[in-house]
Amino acid sequence: MRYRTWDWVALSLVILGAINWGLIGLFRFDLIAVIFGGMESVMSRIIYVIIALAGLYCLSFIGRTRDIVDTAEHRRPHHSHHNAV
């Protein structure tokens, strides 16, 4: 699968979001809020929205991955096994 630049950016943001949610769940520590001035700051809210949009974009990976698997299966040579009697 050939990834485009935005694919890597989106995936990186989703990973950042996942780490942040893990920190919130385990330690009640919101890294994004700490870096960008609290949960209510405009910058934090913008980052949250960007991460959410990246997550939605990553849903497109599902369809593209399925298409690649289907294409690969059609390209795979079919070997017939003939048993000599």
N, C-alpha and C. Protein backbone atom coordinates (compact mmCIF):
# COMPACT_ATOMS: atom_id res chain seq x y z
N MET A 1 0.84 -1.15 0.00
CA MET A 1 0.00 0.00 0.00
C MET A 1 0.91 1.24 0.00
N ARG A 2 0.65 2.13 -0.91
CA ARG A 2 1.43 3.36 -0.99
C ARG A 2 0.70 4.46 -0.23
N TYR A 3 1.37 4.97 0.78
CA TYR A 3 0.76 6.01 1.59
C TYR A 3 1.09 7.38 1.05
N ARG A 4 0.12 8.24 1.07
CA ARG A 4 0.33 9.63 0.72
C ARG A 4 0.75 10.39 1.97
N THR A 5 1.30 11.57 1.76
CA THR A 5 1.76 12.38 2.88
C THR A 5 0.65 12.60 3.90
N TRP A 6 -0.57 12.93 3.43
CA TRP A 6 -1.65 13.18 4.37
C TRP A 6 -1.99 11.93 5.17
N ASP A 7 -1.83 10.74 4.56
CA ASP A 7 -2.08 9.50 5.29
C ASP A 7 -1.17 9.42 6.52
N TRP A 8 0.10 9.73 6.33
CA TRP A 8 1.07 9.67 7.44
C TRP A 8 0.77 10.74 8.48
N VAL A 9 0.42 11.92 8.04
CA VAL A 9 0.07 13.00 8.97
C VAL A 9 -1.17 12.60 9.78
N ALA A 10 -2.20 12.12 9.10
CA ALA A 10 -3.44 11.73 9.78
C ALA A 10 -3.18 10.60 10.77
N LEU A 11 -2.42 9.61 10.34
CA LEU A 11 -2.13 8.48 11.23
C LEU A 11 -1.33 8.93 12.45
N SER A 12 -0.38 9.83 12.25
CA SER A 12 0.39 10.37 13.38
C SER A 12 -0.51 11.12 14.36
N LEU A 13 -1.44 11.90 13.84
CA LEU A 13 -2.37 12.63 14.71
C LEU A 13 -3.29 11.68 15.47
N VAL A 14 -3.73 10.63 14.82
CA VAL A 14 -4.59 9.64 15.48
C VAL A 14 -3.82 8.94 16.60
N ILE A 15 -2.57 8.63 16.35
CA ILE A 15 -1.73 8.01 17.38
C ILE A 15 -1.55 8.96 18.55
N LEU A 16 -1.29 10.25 18.25
CA LEU A 16 -1.18 11.26 19.30
C LEU A 16 -2.48 11.31 20.12
N GLY A 17 -3.61 11.29 19.44
CA GLY A 17 -4.90 11.30 20.13
C GLY A 17 -5.09 10.07 20.99
N ALA A 18 -4.67 8.93 20.49
CA ALA A 18 -4.81 7.69 21.26
C ALA A 18 -3.93 7.73 22.52
N ILE A 19 -2.72 8.24 22.38
CA ILE A 19 -1.84 8.37 23.54
C ILE A 19 -2.46 9.33 24.55
N ASN A 20 -3.00 10.45 24.05
CA ASN A 20 -3.62 11.41 24.95
C ASN A 20 -4.81 10.79 25.69
N TRP A 21 -5.65 10.04 24.98
CA TRP A 21 -6.78 9.39 25.64
C TRP A 21 -6.31 8.35 26.66
N GLY A 22 -5.24 7.66 26.35
CA GLY A 22 -4.66 6.71 27.31
C GLY A 22 -4.19 7.41 28.57
N LEU A 23 -3.52 8.56 28.39
CA LEU A 23 -3.06 9.33 29.55
C LEU A 23 -4.24 9.84 30.37
N ILE A 24 -5.30 10.28 29.69
CA ILE A 24 -6.49 10.75 30.40
C ILE A 24 -7.12 9.59 31.18
N GLY A 25 -7.25 8.45 30.54
CA GLY A 25 -7.88 7.29 31.19
C GLY A 25 -7.07 6.75 32.36
N LEU A 26 -5.77 6.70 32.20
CA LEU A 26 -4.92 6.13 33.26
C LEU A 26 -4.58 7.10 34.37
N PHE A 27 -4.29 8.34 34.00
CA PHE A 27 -3.75 9.28 34.98
C PHE A 27 -4.52 10.59 35.12
N ARG A 28 -5.64 10.71 34.37
CA ARG A 28 -6.39 11.97 34.35
C ARG A 28 -5.47 13.13 33.96
N PHE A 29 -4.59 12.87 33.01
CA PHE A 29 -3.62 13.86 32.54
C PHE A 29 -3.85 14.09 31.06
N ASP A 30 -4.27 15.30 30.71
CA ASP A 30 -4.54 15.67 29.31
C ASP A 30 -3.33 16.41 28.75
N LEU A 31 -2.50 15.71 28.02
CA LEU A 31 -1.27 16.27 27.47
C LEU A 31 -1.54 17.46 26.54
N ILE A 32 -2.56 17.33 25.70
CA ILE A 32 -2.91 18.42 24.77
C ILE A 32 -3.27 19.68 25.56
N ALA A 33 -4.07 19.52 26.60
CA ALA A 33 -4.47 20.67 27.43
C ALA A 33 -3.26 21.29 28.11
N VAL A 34 -2.36 20.47 28.60
CA VAL A 34 -1.17 20.99 29.28
C VAL A 34 -0.30 21.78 28.31
N ILE A 35 -0.11 21.25 27.12
CA ILE A 35 0.75 21.92 26.13
C ILE A 35 0.12 23.20 25.61
N PHE A 36 -1.19 23.17 25.37
CA PHE A 36 -1.84 24.28 24.68
C PHE A 36 -2.71 25.16 25.57
N GLY A 37 -2.55 25.10 26.89
CA GLY A 37 -3.19 26.08 27.74
C GLY A 37 -4.54 25.70 28.32
N GLY A 38 -4.79 24.45 28.55
CA GLY A 38 -6.05 24.03 29.17
C GLY A 38 -7.06 23.54 28.16
N MET A 39 -8.00 22.75 28.66
CA MET A 39 -9.02 22.15 27.79
C MET A 39 -9.90 23.19 27.12
N GLU A 40 -10.12 24.30 27.78
CA GLU A 40 -11.02 25.31 27.25
C GLU A 40 -10.32 26.32 26.33
N SER A 41 -8.99 26.24 26.22
CA SER A 41 -8.30 27.20 25.36
C SER A 41 -8.65 26.94 23.89
N VAL A 42 -8.66 28.00 23.12
CA VAL A 42 -9.01 27.89 21.70
C VAL A 42 -8.03 26.96 20.99
N MET A 43 -6.75 27.08 21.32
CA MET A 43 -5.74 26.25 20.64
C MET A 43 -5.96 24.76 20.94
N SER A 44 -6.23 24.41 22.19
CA SER A 44 -6.50 23.01 22.53
C SER A 44 -7.71 22.49 21.78
N ARG A 45 -8.75 23.28 21.72
CA ARG A 45 -9.97 22.86 21.03
C ARG A 45 -9.71 22.67 19.53
N ILE A 46 -8.89 23.51 18.95
CA ILE A 46 -8.53 23.36 17.53
C ILE A 46 -7.76 22.05 17.33
N ILE A 47 -6.82 21.76 18.23
CA ILE A 47 -6.05 20.51 18.14
C ILE A 47 -6.97 19.30 18.28
N TYR A 48 -7.91 19.35 19.22
CA TYR A 48 -8.86 18.24 19.39
C TYR A 48 -9.65 18.02 18.10
N VAL A 49 -10.10 19.09 17.48
CA VAL A 49 -10.88 18.98 16.24
C VAL A 49 -10.02 18.43 15.11
N ILE A 50 -8.78 18.88 15.00
CA ILE A 50 -7.88 18.38 13.96
C ILE A 50 -7.64 16.89 14.14
N ILE A 51 -7.43 16.46 15.38
CA ILE A 51 -7.23 15.02 15.65
C ILE A 51 -8.49 14.24 15.30
N ALA A 52 -9.65 14.78 15.62
CA ALA A 52 -10.91 14.10 15.28
C ALA A 52 -11.07 13.98 13.77
N LEU A 53 -10.76 15.04 13.04
CA LEU A 53 -10.85 14.99 11.58
C LEU A 53 -9.86 13.98 11.00
N ALA A 54 -8.68 13.91 11.59
CA ALA A 54 -7.69 12.91 11.15
C ALA A 54 -8.23 11.51 11.38
N GLY A 55 -8.90 11.29 12.51
CA GLY A 55 -9.50 9.98 12.78
C GLY A 55 -10.56 9.62 11.76
N LEU A 56 -11.39 10.58 11.42
CA LEU A 56 -12.41 10.33 10.39
C LEU A 56 -11.76 10.04 9.04
N TYR A 57 -10.71 10.76 8.71
CA TYR A 57 -9.99 10.52 7.46
C TYR A 57 -9.41 9.10 7.46
N CYS A 58 -8.90 8.66 8.59
CA CYS A 58 -8.30 7.32 8.67
C CYS A 58 -9.32 6.21 8.41
N LEU A 59 -10.61 6.51 8.54
CA LEU A 59 -11.62 5.52 8.18
C LEU A 59 -11.51 5.13 6.71
N SER A 60 -11.00 6.05 5.89
CA SER A 60 -10.83 5.74 4.47
C SER A 60 -9.80 4.64 4.25
N PHE A 61 -8.92 4.41 5.24
CA PHE A 61 -7.93 3.34 5.11
C PHE A 61 -8.62 1.99 4.97
N ILE A 62 -9.75 1.84 5.63
CA ILE A 62 -10.47 0.56 5.61
C ILE A 62 -10.86 0.20 4.19
N GLY A 63 -11.50 1.10 3.50
CA GLY A 63 -11.89 0.84 2.12
C GLY A 63 -10.71 0.66 1.20
N ARG A 64 -9.67 1.48 1.38
CA ARG A 64 -8.50 1.37 0.51
C ARG A 64 -7.75 0.08 0.77
N THR A 65 -7.68 -0.35 2.01
CA THR A 65 -7.00 -1.61 2.33
C THR A 65 -7.76 -2.78 1.72
N ARG A 66 -9.07 -2.75 1.81
CA ARG A 66 -9.90 -3.82 1.24
C ARG A 66 -9.69 -3.88 -0.26
N ASP A 67 -9.65 -2.73 -0.93
CA ASP A 67 -9.43 -2.69 -2.38
C ASP A 67 -8.07 -3.28 -2.74
N ILE A 68 -7.05 -2.98 -1.94
CA ILE A 68 -5.72 -3.49 -2.22
C ILE A 68 -5.68 -5.01 -2.05
N VAL A 69 -6.32 -5.52 -0.99
CA VAL A 69 -6.36 -6.97 -0.77
C VAL A 69 -7.10 -7.65 -1.92
N ASP A 70 -8.24 -7.11 -2.33
CA ASP A 70 -8.99 -7.69 -3.44
C ASP A 70 -8.16 -7.69 -4.73
N THR A 71 -7.46 -6.60 -4.99
CA THR A 71 -6.63 -6.51 -6.20
C THR A 71 -5.49 -7.52 -6.14
N ALA A 72 -4.88 -7.67 -4.97
CA ALA A 72 -3.77 -8.62 -4.82
C ALA A 72 -4.26 -10.05 -5.04
N GLU A 73 -5.45 -10.37 -4.57
CA GLU A 73 -5.98 -11.72 -4.76
C GLU A 73 -6.24 -12.02 -6.23
N HIS A 74 -6.65 -11.01 -6.99
CA HIS A 74 -6.90 -11.21 -8.41
C HIS A 74 -5.60 -11.36 -9.19
N ARG A 75 -4.54 -10.77 -8.70
CA ARG A 75 -3.24 -10.85 -9.39
C ARG A 75 -2.50 -12.13 -9.07
N ARG A 76 -2.86 -12.76 -7.93
CA ARG A 76 -2.16 -13.97 -7.51
C ARG A 76 -2.44 -15.09 -8.49
N PRO A 77 -1.37 -15.75 -8.97
CA PRO A 77 -1.60 -16.86 -9.91
C PRO A 77 -2.30 -18.03 -9.20
N HIS A 78 -3.22 -18.59 -9.90
CA HIS A 78 -3.95 -19.74 -9.36
C HIS A 78 -3.25 -21.01 -9.84
N HIS A 79 -2.78 -21.78 -8.91
CA HIS A 79 -2.10 -23.03 -9.24
C HIS A 79 -3.09 -24.18 -9.11
N SER A 80 -3.17 -24.93 -10.17
CA SER A 80 -4.03 -26.11 -10.06
C SER A 80 -3.14 -27.30 -9.75
N HIS A 81 -3.57 -28.08 -8.83
CA HIS A 81 -2.81 -29.26 -8.44
C HIS A 81 -3.43 -30.48 -9.07
N HIS A 82 -2.71 -31.06 -10.01
CA HIS A 82 -3.19 -32.27 -10.67
C HIS A 82 -2.45 -33.45 -10.06
N ASN A 83 -3.21 -34.36 -9.56
CA ASN A 83 -2.61 -35.57 -8.98
C ASN A 83 -2.47 -36.61 -10.09
N ALA A 84 -1.25 -37.03 -10.29
CA ALA A 84 -1.00 -38.06 -11.31
C ALA A 84 -1.43 -39.39 -10.74
N VAL A 85 -2.18 -40.13 -11.53
CA VAL A 85 -2.66 -41.42 -11.06
C VAL A 85 -1.91 -42.50 -11.78
